[in-house]
């Protein structure tokens, strides 16, 4: 796993990548996650770093621990991730974008047209 060069701690980047994996079906609901040691070895980080990532995910209700068995993905994890990311987008990412669009004089119609072109190419 390649870690981005940003100000976000590695364990948070790992938690985000796992969330991405939950969203795209790499980790299914009520299925066992790789053990902390397995996952740490696969991405070449310390097991404590992965444990911190798992703790973050567990605190958000995305995964849960069955003592002695391992961590599992919560049934509603995709819904929770979608809600959290939507809220983050609307509250934190869109306002600066809207300010920039306004400064540049880009109209909602132009933005819609570009969005539709983008969606067609996915």
N, C-alpha and C. Protein backbone atom coordinates (compact mmCIF):
# COMPACT_ATOMS: atom_id res chain seq x y z
N UNK A 1 0.85 -1.18 0.00
CA UNK A 1 0.00 0.00 0.00
C UNK A 1 0.89 1.23 0.00
N UNK A 2 0.62 2.12 -0.88
CA UNK A 2 1.37 3.37 -0.96
C UNK A 2 0.62 4.42 -0.16
N UNK A 3 1.34 5.09 0.71
CA UNK A 3 0.70 6.11 1.53
C UNK A 3 0.92 7.47 0.90
N UNK A 4 -0.15 8.24 0.90
CA UNK A 4 -0.10 9.56 0.32
C UNK A 4 0.75 10.48 1.19
N UNK A 5 1.39 11.40 0.55
CA UNK A 5 2.16 12.38 1.30
C UNK A 5 1.24 13.53 1.67
N UNK A 6 0.57 13.38 2.78
CA UNK A 6 -0.29 14.45 3.27
C UNK A 6 -0.15 14.52 4.78
N UNK A 7 -0.92 15.36 5.38
CA UNK A 7 -0.80 15.55 6.82
C UNK A 7 -1.58 14.54 7.63
N UNK A 8 -2.25 13.62 6.96
CA UNK A 8 -3.06 12.63 7.65
C UNK A 8 -2.17 11.48 8.14
N UNK A 9 -2.35 11.08 9.39
CA UNK A 9 -1.56 9.98 9.96
C UNK A 9 -1.77 8.69 9.16
N UNK A 10 -0.75 7.85 9.14
CA UNK A 10 -0.82 6.61 8.36
C UNK A 10 -1.99 5.74 8.80
N UNK A 11 -2.24 5.63 10.11
CA UNK A 11 -3.34 4.77 10.56
C UNK A 11 -4.69 5.28 10.06
N UNK A 12 -4.82 6.61 9.90
CA UNK A 12 -6.06 7.17 9.36
C UNK A 12 -6.16 6.91 7.86
N UNK A 13 -5.03 6.96 7.17
CA UNK A 13 -5.02 6.63 5.74
C UNK A 13 -5.40 5.16 5.53
N UNK A 14 -4.90 4.29 6.40
CA UNK A 14 -5.24 2.87 6.32
C UNK A 14 -6.73 2.67 6.57
N UNK A 15 -7.25 3.34 7.59
CA UNK A 15 -8.69 3.22 7.90
C UNK A 15 -9.52 3.70 6.71
N UNK A 16 -9.07 4.75 6.04
CA UNK A 16 -9.80 5.26 4.87
C UNK A 16 -9.75 4.24 3.73
N UNK A 17 -8.60 3.63 3.52
CA UNK A 17 -8.47 2.61 2.46
C UNK A 17 -9.35 1.40 2.77
N UNK A 18 -9.43 1.02 4.02
CA UNK A 18 -10.30 -0.10 4.39
C UNK A 18 -11.76 0.29 4.15
N UNK A 19 -12.11 1.52 4.49
CA UNK A 19 -13.47 2.02 4.21
C UNK A 19 -13.76 1.96 2.72
N UNK A 20 -12.78 2.35 1.91
CA UNK A 20 -12.93 2.24 0.46
C UNK A 20 -13.18 0.78 0.07
N UNK A 21 -12.44 -0.13 0.69
CA UNK A 21 -12.61 -1.55 0.41
C UNK A 21 -13.99 -2.06 0.80
N UNK A 22 -14.52 -1.55 1.88
CA UNK A 22 -15.88 -1.92 2.29
C UNK A 22 -16.87 -1.42 1.24
N UNK A 23 -16.67 -0.18 0.80
CA UNK A 23 -17.59 0.41 -0.19
C UNK A 23 -17.57 -0.33 -1.52
N UNK A 24 -16.38 -0.78 -1.94
CA UNK A 24 -16.32 -1.44 -3.25
C UNK A 24 -16.43 -2.96 -3.18
N UNK A 25 -16.76 -3.48 -1.99
CA UNK A 25 -17.04 -4.91 -1.87
C UNK A 25 -15.87 -5.81 -1.57
N UNK A 26 -14.70 -5.25 -1.31
CA UNK A 26 -13.56 -6.09 -0.93
C UNK A 26 -13.74 -6.73 0.43
N UNK A 27 -14.51 -6.07 1.29
CA UNK A 27 -14.81 -6.58 2.63
C UNK A 27 -16.32 -6.59 2.77
N UNK A 28 -16.92 -7.77 2.79
CA UNK A 28 -18.37 -7.91 2.82
C UNK A 28 -18.91 -7.85 4.24
N UNK A 29 -20.18 -7.48 4.35
CA UNK A 29 -20.87 -7.41 5.64
C UNK A 29 -20.83 -8.75 6.34
N UNK A 30 -20.57 -8.69 7.63
CA UNK A 30 -20.51 -9.85 8.51
C UNK A 30 -19.46 -10.88 8.12
N UNK A 31 -18.49 -10.47 7.31
CA UNK A 31 -17.37 -11.33 6.95
C UNK A 31 -16.15 -10.91 7.76
N UNK A 32 -15.30 -11.87 8.03
CA UNK A 32 -14.10 -11.61 8.83
C UNK A 32 -13.10 -10.78 8.04
N UNK A 33 -12.53 -9.79 8.72
CA UNK A 33 -11.45 -8.97 8.17
C UNK A 33 -10.14 -9.74 8.33
N UNK A 34 -9.12 -9.38 7.56
CA UNK A 34 -7.80 -9.98 7.82
C UNK A 34 -7.39 -9.67 9.25
N UNK A 35 -6.65 -10.59 9.87
CA UNK A 35 -6.18 -10.32 11.23
C UNK A 35 -5.27 -9.10 11.19
N UNK A 36 -5.07 -8.50 12.34
CA UNK A 36 -4.21 -7.32 12.44
C UNK A 36 -2.82 -7.66 11.91
N UNK A 37 -2.29 -8.79 12.32
CA UNK A 37 -0.94 -9.18 11.88
C UNK A 37 -0.88 -9.46 10.39
N UNK A 38 -1.89 -10.16 9.87
CA UNK A 38 -1.93 -10.46 8.43
C UNK A 38 -1.96 -9.16 7.63
N UNK A 39 -2.84 -8.28 8.03
CA UNK A 39 -3.00 -7.02 7.30
C UNK A 39 -1.74 -6.19 7.38
N UNK A 40 -1.15 -6.12 8.59
CA UNK A 40 0.09 -5.34 8.77
C UNK A 40 1.20 -5.88 7.87
N UNK A 41 1.32 -7.20 7.80
CA UNK A 41 2.36 -7.80 6.95
C UNK A 41 2.09 -7.51 5.48
N UNK A 42 0.83 -7.54 5.08
CA UNK A 42 0.50 -7.34 3.67
C UNK A 42 0.78 -5.92 3.20
N UNK A 43 0.69 -4.95 4.09
CA UNK A 43 0.95 -3.55 3.70
C UNK A 43 2.26 -3.02 4.28
N UNK A 44 2.98 -3.90 4.94
CA UNK A 44 4.31 -3.59 5.47
C UNK A 44 4.33 -2.42 6.44
N UNK A 45 3.45 -2.51 7.44
CA UNK A 45 3.46 -1.55 8.54
C UNK A 45 3.43 -2.32 9.85
N UNK A 46 3.66 -1.64 10.93
CA UNK A 46 3.63 -2.23 12.26
C UNK A 46 2.20 -2.64 12.61
N UNK A 47 2.06 -3.77 13.29
CA UNK A 47 0.74 -4.26 13.70
C UNK A 47 0.01 -3.24 14.57
N UNK A 48 0.74 -2.49 15.38
CA UNK A 48 0.09 -1.48 16.23
C UNK A 48 -0.59 -0.40 15.38
N UNK A 49 0.00 -0.07 14.23
CA UNK A 49 -0.59 0.91 13.33
C UNK A 49 -1.91 0.40 12.79
N UNK A 50 -1.93 -0.86 12.36
CA UNK A 50 -3.17 -1.46 11.86
C UNK A 50 -4.20 -1.54 12.98
N UNK A 51 -3.75 -1.89 14.20
CA UNK A 51 -4.69 -1.97 15.33
C UNK A 51 -5.33 -0.61 15.57
N UNK A 52 -4.58 0.46 15.45
CA UNK A 52 -5.15 1.81 15.61
C UNK A 52 -6.20 2.07 14.52
N UNK A 53 -5.91 1.61 13.30
CA UNK A 53 -6.87 1.77 12.20
C UNK A 53 -8.15 1.01 12.50
N UNK A 54 -8.01 -0.23 12.95
CA UNK A 54 -9.17 -1.04 13.29
C UNK A 54 -9.96 -0.40 14.43
N UNK A 55 -9.25 0.17 15.41
CA UNK A 55 -9.92 0.86 16.51
C UNK A 55 -10.75 2.04 16.01
N UNK A 56 -10.20 2.80 15.07
CA UNK A 56 -10.92 3.94 14.48
C UNK A 56 -12.19 3.44 13.80
N UNK A 57 -12.05 2.39 12.99
CA UNK A 57 -13.19 1.83 12.28
C UNK A 57 -14.24 1.27 13.24
N UNK A 58 -13.78 0.64 14.31
CA UNK A 58 -14.70 0.10 15.31
C UNK A 58 -15.43 1.23 16.04
N UNK A 59 -14.72 2.31 16.34
CA UNK A 59 -15.35 3.44 17.04
C UNK A 59 -16.42 4.12 16.18
N UNK A 60 -16.30 3.99 14.86
CA UNK A 60 -17.30 4.54 13.94
C UNK A 60 -18.42 3.54 13.66
N UNK A 61 -18.32 2.35 14.25
CA UNK A 61 -19.35 1.34 14.05
C UNK A 61 -19.26 0.64 12.70
N UNK A 62 -18.10 0.68 12.06
CA UNK A 62 -17.95 0.06 10.75
C UNK A 62 -17.53 -1.40 10.85
N UNK A 63 -16.74 -1.71 11.87
CA UNK A 63 -16.34 -3.09 12.12
C UNK A 63 -16.55 -3.39 13.59
N UNK A 64 -16.57 -4.68 13.93
CA UNK A 64 -16.70 -5.06 15.33
C UNK A 64 -15.79 -6.25 15.59
N UNK A 65 -15.44 -6.41 16.85
CA UNK A 65 -14.51 -7.47 17.26
C UNK A 65 -15.27 -8.60 17.94
N UNK A 66 -15.09 -9.80 17.43
CA UNK A 66 -15.56 -11.01 18.12
C UNK A 66 -14.35 -11.55 18.85
N UNK A 67 -14.37 -11.41 20.14
CA UNK A 67 -13.21 -11.76 20.96
C UNK A 67 -12.69 -13.16 20.63
N UNK A 68 -11.41 -13.22 20.33
CA UNK A 68 -10.77 -14.49 20.04
C UNK A 68 -10.95 -14.96 18.61
N UNK A 69 -11.80 -14.28 17.83
CA UNK A 69 -12.05 -14.70 16.45
C UNK A 69 -11.50 -13.67 15.47
N UNK A 70 -11.73 -12.40 15.76
CA UNK A 70 -11.23 -11.35 14.89
C UNK A 70 -12.24 -10.25 14.66
N UNK A 71 -11.93 -9.40 13.70
CA UNK A 71 -12.80 -8.27 13.37
C UNK A 71 -13.67 -8.62 12.17
N UNK A 72 -14.90 -8.10 12.21
CA UNK A 72 -15.89 -8.35 11.17
C UNK A 72 -16.50 -7.03 10.73
N UNK A 73 -16.97 -6.99 9.49
CA UNK A 73 -17.60 -5.79 8.95
C UNK A 73 -19.06 -5.73 9.41
N UNK A 74 -19.46 -4.60 9.95
CA UNK A 74 -20.85 -4.41 10.36
C UNK A 74 -21.78 -4.43 9.16
N UNK A 75 -22.98 -4.91 9.38
CA UNK A 75 -23.98 -5.03 8.32
C UNK A 75 -24.29 -3.69 7.65
N UNK A 76 -24.30 -2.62 8.43
CA UNK A 76 -24.67 -1.31 7.88
C UNK A 76 -23.45 -0.42 7.60
N UNK A 77 -22.28 -1.02 7.46
CA UNK A 77 -21.05 -0.25 7.27
C UNK A 77 -21.10 0.64 6.03
N UNK A 78 -21.59 0.11 4.91
CA UNK A 78 -21.65 0.91 3.68
C UNK A 78 -22.55 2.13 3.86
N UNK A 79 -23.66 1.95 4.54
CA UNK A 79 -24.58 3.06 4.79
C UNK A 79 -23.90 4.12 5.65
N UNK A 80 -23.22 3.69 6.70
CA UNK A 80 -22.53 4.63 7.59
C UNK A 80 -21.43 5.40 6.86
N UNK A 81 -20.65 4.69 6.04
CA UNK A 81 -19.58 5.34 5.29
C UNK A 81 -20.16 6.35 4.31
N UNK A 82 -21.22 5.96 3.61
CA UNK A 82 -21.87 6.87 2.67
C UNK A 82 -22.36 8.12 3.39
N UNK A 83 -23.01 7.96 4.53
CA UNK A 83 -23.51 9.10 5.29
C UNK A 83 -22.38 10.01 5.74
N UNK A 84 -21.31 9.43 6.27
CA UNK A 84 -20.18 10.22 6.76
C UNK A 84 -19.51 10.98 5.62
N UNK A 85 -19.30 10.30 4.51
CA UNK A 85 -18.62 10.94 3.38
C UNK A 85 -19.50 12.00 2.72
N UNK A 86 -20.79 11.77 2.67
CA UNK A 86 -21.71 12.77 2.11
C UNK A 86 -21.71 14.02 2.98
N UNK A 87 -21.79 13.83 4.28
CA UNK A 87 -21.76 14.97 5.21
C UNK A 87 -20.45 15.74 5.07
N UNK A 88 -19.33 15.02 5.00
CA UNK A 88 -18.03 15.67 4.84
C UNK A 88 -17.97 16.46 3.54
N UNK A 89 -18.46 15.87 2.47
CA UNK A 89 -18.46 16.55 1.17
C UNK A 89 -19.27 17.84 1.23
N UNK A 90 -20.47 17.74 1.75
CA UNK A 90 -21.37 18.90 1.78
C UNK A 90 -20.87 19.97 2.75
N UNK A 91 -20.40 19.56 3.91
CA UNK A 91 -20.00 20.53 4.93
C UNK A 91 -18.60 21.11 4.73
N UNK A 92 -17.68 20.31 4.19
CA UNK A 92 -16.28 20.74 4.17
C UNK A 92 -15.68 20.95 2.78
N UNK A 93 -16.11 20.17 1.81
CA UNK A 93 -15.46 20.25 0.50
C UNK A 93 -16.21 21.13 -0.50
N UNK A 94 -17.52 21.13 -0.44
CA UNK A 94 -18.28 21.93 -1.41
C UNK A 94 -18.16 23.44 -1.19
N UNK A 95 -18.21 23.95 0.04
CA UNK A 95 -18.14 25.41 0.20
C UNK A 95 -16.93 26.06 -0.47
N UNK A 96 -15.69 25.52 -0.29
CA UNK A 96 -14.57 26.15 -1.00
C UNK A 96 -14.70 26.03 -2.53
N UNK A 97 -15.23 24.92 -2.99
CA UNK A 97 -15.44 24.75 -4.43
C UNK A 97 -16.45 25.77 -4.94
N UNK A 98 -17.55 25.93 -4.23
CA UNK A 98 -18.57 26.90 -4.64
C UNK A 98 -18.01 28.32 -4.65
N UNK A 99 -17.18 28.66 -3.66
CA UNK A 99 -16.55 29.99 -3.64
C UNK A 99 -15.70 30.20 -4.90
N UNK A 100 -14.91 29.18 -5.23
CA UNK A 100 -14.05 29.27 -6.41
C UNK A 100 -14.87 29.37 -7.69
N UNK A 101 -15.92 28.58 -7.80
CA UNK A 101 -16.80 28.65 -8.97
C UNK A 101 -17.39 30.05 -9.12
N UNK A 102 -17.80 30.62 -7.99
CA UNK A 102 -18.37 31.96 -8.00
C UNK A 102 -17.34 32.99 -8.45
N UNK A 103 -16.14 32.90 -7.90
CA UNK A 103 -15.07 33.84 -8.27
C UNK A 103 -14.76 33.74 -9.76
N UNK A 104 -14.75 32.52 -10.28
CA UNK A 104 -14.42 32.31 -11.69
C UNK A 104 -15.60 32.57 -12.62
N UNK A 105 -16.78 32.77 -12.05
CA UNK A 105 -17.95 33.06 -12.86
C UNK A 105 -18.51 31.84 -13.57
N UNK A 106 -18.24 30.67 -13.05
CA UNK A 106 -18.78 29.44 -13.65
C UNK A 106 -20.21 29.25 -13.16
N UNK A 107 -21.12 29.14 -14.11
CA UNK A 107 -22.55 29.06 -13.77
C UNK A 107 -22.93 27.63 -13.40
N UNK A 108 -24.05 27.49 -12.68
CA UNK A 108 -24.55 26.14 -12.38
C UNK A 108 -24.80 25.31 -13.65
N UNK A 109 -25.24 25.97 -14.71
CA UNK A 109 -25.50 25.26 -15.96
C UNK A 109 -24.20 24.70 -16.55
N UNK A 110 -23.13 25.51 -16.51
CA UNK A 110 -21.83 25.03 -17.01
C UNK A 110 -21.32 23.87 -16.16
N UNK A 111 -21.49 24.01 -14.85
CA UNK A 111 -21.05 22.96 -13.93
C UNK A 111 -21.82 21.67 -14.18
N UNK A 112 -23.13 21.79 -14.38
CA UNK A 112 -23.97 20.62 -14.64
C UNK A 112 -23.53 19.93 -15.92
N UNK A 113 -23.25 20.71 -16.95
CA UNK A 113 -22.82 20.17 -18.23
C UNK A 113 -21.50 19.39 -18.07
N UNK A 114 -20.56 19.95 -17.34
CA UNK A 114 -19.27 19.29 -17.10
C UNK A 114 -19.45 18.03 -16.25
N UNK A 115 -20.34 18.10 -15.27
CA UNK A 115 -20.62 16.94 -14.42
C UNK A 115 -21.20 15.81 -15.26
N UNK A 116 -22.14 16.13 -16.13
CA UNK A 116 -22.76 15.11 -16.99
C UNK A 116 -21.74 14.48 -17.92
N UNK A 117 -20.81 15.29 -18.46
CA UNK A 117 -19.74 14.74 -19.31
C UNK A 117 -18.86 13.79 -18.51
N UNK A 118 -18.56 14.19 -17.28
CA UNK A 118 -17.73 13.37 -16.41
C UNK A 118 -18.39 12.02 -16.13
N UNK A 119 -19.67 12.04 -15.79
CA UNK A 119 -20.42 10.83 -15.46
C UNK A 119 -20.48 9.89 -16.66
N UNK A 120 -20.62 10.44 -17.85
CA UNK A 120 -20.66 9.61 -19.07
C UNK A 120 -19.37 8.83 -19.28
N UNK A 121 -18.26 9.37 -18.80
CA UNK A 121 -16.95 8.75 -19.03
C UNK A 121 -16.50 7.81 -17.91
N UNK A 122 -17.35 7.61 -16.93
CA UNK A 122 -16.99 6.71 -15.83
C UNK A 122 -17.19 5.27 -16.27
